C-alpha atoms as a PDB file:
ATOM      1  CA  MET A   1      20.360  -9.831 -18.121  1.00  0.00           C
ATOM      2  CA  LYS A   2      18.260 -12.710 -16.747  1.00  0.00           C
ATOM      3  CA  PHE A   3      17.465 -10.238 -13.752  1.00  0.00           C
ATOM      4  CA  LEU A   4      16.603  -7.267 -15.984  1.00  0.00           C
ATOM      5  CA  LYS A   5      14.585  -9.418 -18.394  1.00  0.00           C
ATOM      6  CA  SER A   6      12.499 -11.143 -15.358  1.00  0.00           C
ATOM      7  CA  VAL A   7      12.239  -7.572 -13.812  1.00  0.00           C
ATOM      8  CA  VAL A   8      10.545  -6.158 -17.270  1.00  0.00           C
ATOM      9  CA  ASP A   9       8.270  -9.147 -17.385  1.00  0.00           C
ATOM     10  CA  GLU A  10       6.474  -8.858 -13.687  1.00  0.00           C
ATOM     11  CA  MET A  11       6.437  -4.766 -14.401  1.00  0.00           C
ATOM     12  CA  LYS A  12       3.975  -6.268 -17.402  1.00  0.00           C
ATOM     13  CA  LYS A  13       2.209  -7.695 -15.000  1.00  0.00           C
ATOM     14  CA  VAL A  14       1.618  -4.886 -12.216  1.00  0.00           C
ATOM     15  CA  SER A  15      -1.901  -3.847 -12.537  1.00  0.00           C
ATOM     16  CA  TRP A  16      -1.432   0.018 -12.080  1.00  0.00           C
ATOM     17  CA  PRO A  17      -4.164   2.662 -10.478  1.00  0.00           C
ATOM     18  CA  SER A  18      -6.348   4.761 -12.562  1.00  0.00           C
ATOM     19  CA  LYS A  19      -5.619   8.309 -12.853  1.00  0.00           C
ATOM     20  CA  THR A  20      -8.662   9.044 -10.088  1.00  0.00           C
ATOM     21  CA  ALA A  21      -8.334   5.793  -8.207  1.00  0.00           C
ATOM     22  CA  LEU A  22      -4.141   7.684  -8.127  1.00  0.00           C
ATOM     23  CA  ARG A  23      -5.631  11.002  -7.055  1.00  0.00           C
ATOM     24  CA  LYS A  24      -8.416   9.915  -4.657  1.00  0.00           C
ATOM     25  CA  ASP A  25      -5.664   7.621  -2.665  1.00  0.00           C
ATOM     26  CA  THR A  26      -3.347  10.310  -2.266  1.00  0.00           C
ATOM     27  CA  LEU A  27      -5.782  12.977  -0.781  1.00  0.00           C
ATOM     28  CA  VAL A  28      -6.311  10.590   1.416  1.00  0.00           C
ATOM     29  CA  VAL A  29      -2.935   9.938   2.478  1.00  0.00           C
ATOM     30  CA  ILE A  30      -2.189  13.665   2.721  1.00  0.00           C
ATOM     31  CA  GLU A  31      -5.422  13.962   4.735  1.00  0.00           C
ATOM     32  CA  THR A  32      -4.958  11.627   7.259  1.00  0.00           C
ATOM     33  CA  SER A  33      -1.436  13.047   7.230  1.00  0.00           C
ATOM     34  CA  ILE A  34      -2.960  16.345   8.339  1.00  0.00           C
ATOM     35  CA  ILE A  35      -4.954  15.264  10.739  1.00  0.00           C
ATOM     36  CA  PHE A  36      -2.584  12.623  12.750  1.00  0.00           C
ATOM     37  CA  ALA A  37      -0.269  15.689  12.791  1.00  0.00           C
ATOM     38  CA  LEU A  38      -2.443  18.256  14.318  1.00  0.00           C
ATOM     39  CA  LEU A  39      -3.292  15.540  16.728  1.00  0.00           C
ATOM     40  CA  PHE A  40       0.408  15.385  17.638  1.00  0.00           C
ATOM     41  CA  TRP A  41       0.704  18.789  17.762  1.00  0.00           C
ATOM     42  CA  ALA A  42      -2.532  19.241  20.222  1.00  0.00           C
ATOM     43  CA  PHE A  43      -1.301  16.233  22.524  1.00  0.00           C
ATOM     44  CA  ASP A  44       1.937  17.524  22.480  1.00  0.00           C
ATOM     45  CA  ARG A  45       1.141  20.834  23.456  1.00  0.00           C
ATOM     46  CA  LEU A  46      -1.503  19.352  26.439  1.00  0.00           C
ATOM     47  CA  ILE A  47       1.338  17.353  27.804  1.00  0.00           C
ATOM     48  CA  GLY A  48       4.004  20.333  27.585  1.00  0.00           C
ATOM     49  CA  LEU A  49       1.756  22.738  29.773  1.00  0.00           C
ATOM     50  CA  GLY A  50       0.476  19.517  31.905  1.00  0.00           C
ATOM     51  CA  ILE A  51       4.486  19.506  32.732  1.00  0.00           C
ATOM     52  CA  SER A  52       4.836  23.231  32.737  1.00  0.00           C
ATOM     53  CA  SER A  53       2.729  23.564  34.983  1.00  0.00           C
ATOM     54  CA  LEU A  54       3.612  20.637  37.790  1.00  0.00           C
ATOM     55  CA  MET A  55       6.823  22.635  37.761  1.00  0.00           C
END
């Protein structure tokens, strides 16, 4: 029970983000993920075309 009490006490100290900050940060993560996915796809296609042209 001491552990659970300490968990509750620590959770009260947490600084939670506002809804607008959370929404903004979430959009940044989604946009960054999409950009990196497109970059990895493009590099994969280029490398695949390069290897297939060599063979």
